[in-house]
N, C-alpha and C. Protein backbone atom coordinates (compact mmCIF):
# COMPACT_ATOMS: atom_id res chain seq x y z
N MET A 1 108.76 114.51 193.98
CA MET A 1 108.67 115.05 192.65
C MET A 1 108.41 116.56 192.69
N SER A 2 107.89 117.05 193.78
CA SER A 2 107.53 118.46 193.86
C SER A 2 108.77 119.34 193.95
N HIS A 3 108.84 120.33 193.06
CA HIS A 3 109.93 121.28 193.05
C HIS A 3 109.51 122.60 193.69
N VAL A 4 108.29 122.70 194.13
CA VAL A 4 107.76 123.97 194.59
C VAL A 4 107.26 123.89 196.02
N CYS A 5 107.99 123.19 196.87
CA CYS A 5 107.56 123.05 198.26
C CYS A 5 107.53 124.41 198.97
N ALA A 6 108.29 125.39 198.51
CA ALA A 6 108.31 126.71 199.14
C ALA A 6 107.00 127.46 198.92
N LEU A 7 106.19 127.01 197.98
CA LEU A 7 104.91 127.65 197.72
C LEU A 7 103.85 127.22 198.72
N GLY A 8 104.11 126.21 199.48
CA GLY A 8 103.11 125.71 200.40
C GLY A 8 102.20 124.71 199.70
N LYS A 9 101.12 124.38 200.35
CA LYS A 9 100.20 123.39 199.80
C LYS A 9 99.40 124.01 198.66
N LEU A 10 99.37 123.31 197.53
CA LEU A 10 98.62 123.75 196.37
C LEU A 10 97.67 122.64 195.93
N LYS A 11 96.59 123.05 195.26
CA LYS A 11 95.72 122.06 194.65
C LYS A 11 96.52 121.29 193.61
N LYS A 12 96.10 120.06 193.32
CA LYS A 12 96.84 119.23 192.38
C LYS A 12 97.00 119.91 191.03
N SER A 13 95.96 120.57 190.53
CA SER A 13 96.06 121.21 189.22
C SER A 13 97.12 122.32 189.23
N LEU A 14 97.21 123.07 190.32
CA LEU A 14 98.22 124.12 190.41
C LEU A 14 99.61 123.53 190.64
N GLN A 15 99.69 122.44 191.36
CA GLN A 15 100.98 121.76 191.55
C GLN A 15 101.50 121.27 190.19
N ASP A 16 100.61 120.68 189.40
CA ASP A 16 100.99 120.21 188.06
C ASP A 16 101.42 121.39 187.18
N LEU A 17 100.71 122.51 187.28
CA LEU A 17 101.06 123.71 186.52
C LEU A 17 102.45 124.21 186.93
N ALA A 18 102.73 124.27 188.22
CA ALA A 18 104.03 124.73 188.70
C ALA A 18 105.14 123.79 188.24
N ASP A 19 104.90 122.49 188.30
CA ASP A 19 105.90 121.52 187.84
C ASP A 19 106.16 121.69 186.34
N TYR A 20 105.09 121.91 185.56
CA TYR A 20 105.24 122.14 184.12
C TYR A 20 106.07 123.40 183.87
N ALA A 21 105.74 124.48 184.57
CA ALA A 21 106.44 125.75 184.38
C ALA A 21 107.92 125.61 184.70
N ILE A 22 108.24 124.94 185.78
CA ILE A 22 109.64 124.74 186.15
C ILE A 22 110.36 123.93 185.09
N SER A 23 109.70 122.93 184.54
CA SER A 23 110.33 122.11 183.49
C SER A 23 110.58 122.91 182.23
N GLN A 24 109.85 124.02 182.03
CA GLN A 24 110.01 124.87 180.86
C GLN A 24 110.94 126.06 181.13
N GLY A 25 111.54 126.10 182.31
CA GLY A 25 112.50 127.16 182.63
C GLY A 25 111.94 128.37 183.35
N TRP A 26 110.68 128.31 183.78
CA TRP A 26 110.07 129.41 184.52
C TRP A 26 110.46 129.31 185.99
N THR A 27 110.52 130.44 186.67
CA THR A 27 110.69 130.49 188.12
C THR A 27 109.31 130.72 188.72
N VAL A 28 108.99 129.97 189.74
CA VAL A 28 107.66 130.05 190.35
C VAL A 28 107.81 130.46 191.80
N ASN A 29 107.08 131.51 192.20
CA ASN A 29 107.07 131.89 193.61
C ASN A 29 105.74 132.52 193.97
N ARG A 30 105.54 132.70 195.26
CA ARG A 30 104.29 133.26 195.76
C ARG A 30 104.48 134.75 196.06
N THR A 31 103.51 135.56 195.68
CA THR A 31 103.57 137.00 195.96
C THR A 31 103.16 137.25 197.40
N SER A 32 103.36 138.48 197.86
CA SER A 32 102.97 138.82 199.23
C SER A 32 101.45 138.78 199.40
N GLY A 33 100.72 138.89 198.30
CA GLY A 33 99.26 138.82 198.34
C GLY A 33 98.72 137.40 198.22
N GLY A 34 99.61 136.41 198.07
CA GLY A 34 99.19 135.02 198.02
C GLY A 34 98.98 134.47 196.62
N HIS A 35 99.21 135.27 195.58
CA HIS A 35 99.09 134.77 194.21
C HIS A 35 100.36 134.03 193.83
N ILE A 36 100.31 133.34 192.71
CA ILE A 36 101.48 132.63 192.20
C ILE A 36 102.02 133.41 191.01
N ARG A 37 103.34 133.66 191.02
CA ARG A 37 103.98 134.43 189.96
C ARG A 37 104.94 133.52 189.20
N PHE A 38 104.85 133.55 187.88
CA PHE A 38 105.74 132.81 187.01
C PHE A 38 106.61 133.84 186.29
N THR A 39 107.92 133.70 186.38
CA THR A 39 108.82 134.63 185.71
C THR A 39 109.85 133.86 184.90
N LYS A 40 110.27 134.48 183.80
CA LYS A 40 111.29 133.90 182.93
C LYS A 40 111.96 135.07 182.23
N PRO A 41 113.30 135.08 182.16
CA PRO A 41 113.98 136.19 181.49
C PRO A 41 113.48 136.38 180.05
N GLY A 42 113.19 137.61 179.70
CA GLY A 42 112.72 137.93 178.36
C GLY A 42 111.22 137.79 178.16
N CYS A 43 110.52 137.36 179.19
CA CYS A 43 109.06 137.18 179.12
C CYS A 43 108.40 138.02 180.21
N PRO A 44 107.19 138.51 179.94
CA PRO A 44 106.48 139.24 181.00
C PRO A 44 106.06 138.28 182.11
N PRO A 45 105.97 138.76 183.35
CA PRO A 45 105.53 137.87 184.43
C PRO A 45 104.06 137.49 184.24
N ILE A 46 103.73 136.29 184.69
CA ILE A 46 102.36 135.78 184.61
C ILE A 46 101.91 135.47 186.04
N PHE A 47 100.71 135.91 186.37
CA PHE A 47 100.17 135.71 187.71
C PHE A 47 98.91 134.88 187.63
N THR A 48 98.69 134.05 188.67
CA THR A 48 97.44 133.32 188.80
C THR A 48 97.11 133.20 190.29
N SER A 49 95.86 132.96 190.58
CA SER A 49 95.42 132.84 191.97
C SER A 49 95.90 131.51 192.55
N SER A 50 96.23 131.53 193.83
CA SER A 50 96.60 130.27 194.49
C SER A 50 95.38 129.52 194.99
N THR A 51 94.21 130.15 194.92
CA THR A 51 92.95 129.50 195.29
C THR A 51 91.92 129.79 194.20
N PRO A 52 92.09 129.20 193.02
CA PRO A 52 91.21 129.52 191.90
C PRO A 52 89.78 129.04 192.12
N SER A 53 88.83 129.85 191.68
CA SER A 53 87.43 129.44 191.77
C SER A 53 86.97 128.76 190.48
N ASP A 54 87.69 129.00 189.40
CA ASP A 54 87.35 128.41 188.11
C ASP A 54 88.17 127.14 187.91
N PRO A 55 87.53 126.01 187.65
CA PRO A 55 88.27 124.76 187.46
C PRO A 55 89.24 124.80 186.28
N ARG A 56 89.02 125.70 185.33
CA ARG A 56 89.88 125.79 184.15
C ARG A 56 91.04 126.76 184.34
N SER A 57 91.16 127.40 185.48
CA SER A 57 92.18 128.44 185.64
C SER A 57 93.60 127.90 185.46
N ALA A 58 93.89 126.72 185.95
CA ALA A 58 95.23 126.15 185.76
C ALA A 58 95.48 125.86 184.28
N LEU A 59 94.47 125.37 183.59
CA LEU A 59 94.62 125.12 182.15
C LEU A 59 94.81 126.42 181.39
N ASN A 60 94.08 127.46 181.76
CA ASN A 60 94.22 128.76 181.11
C ASN A 60 95.61 129.35 181.36
N ALA A 61 96.13 129.22 182.57
CA ALA A 61 97.46 129.73 182.89
C ALA A 61 98.53 128.96 182.12
N ARG A 62 98.35 127.66 181.99
CA ARG A 62 99.31 126.85 181.23
C ARG A 62 99.33 127.27 179.77
N ALA A 63 98.15 127.53 179.21
CA ALA A 63 98.07 127.98 177.82
C ALA A 63 98.76 129.34 177.67
N LEU A 64 98.59 130.21 178.65
CA LEU A 64 99.23 131.52 178.60
C LEU A 64 100.75 131.39 178.66
N LEU A 65 101.26 130.49 179.50
CA LEU A 65 102.70 130.25 179.56
C LEU A 65 103.22 129.80 178.19
N ARG A 66 102.49 128.88 177.55
CA ARG A 66 102.91 128.40 176.22
C ARG A 66 102.87 129.52 175.19
N ARG A 67 101.81 130.34 175.20
CA ARG A 67 101.70 131.43 174.23
C ARG A 67 102.83 132.45 174.38
N VAL A 68 103.15 132.79 175.61
CA VAL A 68 104.22 133.75 175.85
C VAL A 68 105.55 133.20 175.35
N GLN A 69 105.82 131.92 175.61
CA GLN A 69 107.05 131.30 175.14
C GLN A 69 107.10 131.26 173.62
N ASP A 70 105.97 130.93 172.99
CA ASP A 70 105.92 130.87 171.52
C ASP A 70 106.18 132.24 170.92
N ARG A 71 105.61 133.29 171.49
CA ARG A 71 105.85 134.65 170.99
C ARG A 71 107.32 135.02 171.11
N LYS A 72 107.93 134.65 172.24
CA LYS A 72 109.34 134.94 172.44
C LYS A 72 110.18 134.20 171.40
N ALA A 73 109.86 132.95 171.16
CA ALA A 73 110.61 132.15 170.18
C ALA A 73 110.47 132.74 168.76
N ARG A 74 109.27 133.21 168.43
CA ARG A 74 109.07 133.80 167.09
C ARG A 74 109.83 135.11 166.94
N ARG A 75 109.91 135.89 168.03
CA ARG A 75 110.65 137.15 167.96
C ARG A 75 112.13 136.91 167.75
N LEU A 76 112.65 135.83 168.31
CA LEU A 76 114.09 135.56 168.23
C LEU A 76 114.49 134.87 166.94
N SER A 77 113.55 134.22 166.26
CA SER A 77 113.92 133.51 165.03
C SER A 77 114.08 134.49 163.88
N PRO A 78 115.04 134.20 162.97
CA PRO A 78 115.30 135.12 161.87
C PRO A 78 114.22 135.15 160.82
């Protein structure tokens, strides 16, 4: 089920976040510094740590992905 094997081993919460992002059309890759970068045409890139110390970091990143997509959708609607 994992679409992000190139990212290496991730905690389950980050694996779920990456799977969600891919299902929403985001591209997920690892930066040279070890962070995770989410990119999508027309949206600013979003970065998160690959070793988060806060248990809510994956949830916060997911919310940010949704907010960015919602803003993009509102800008495009007439």
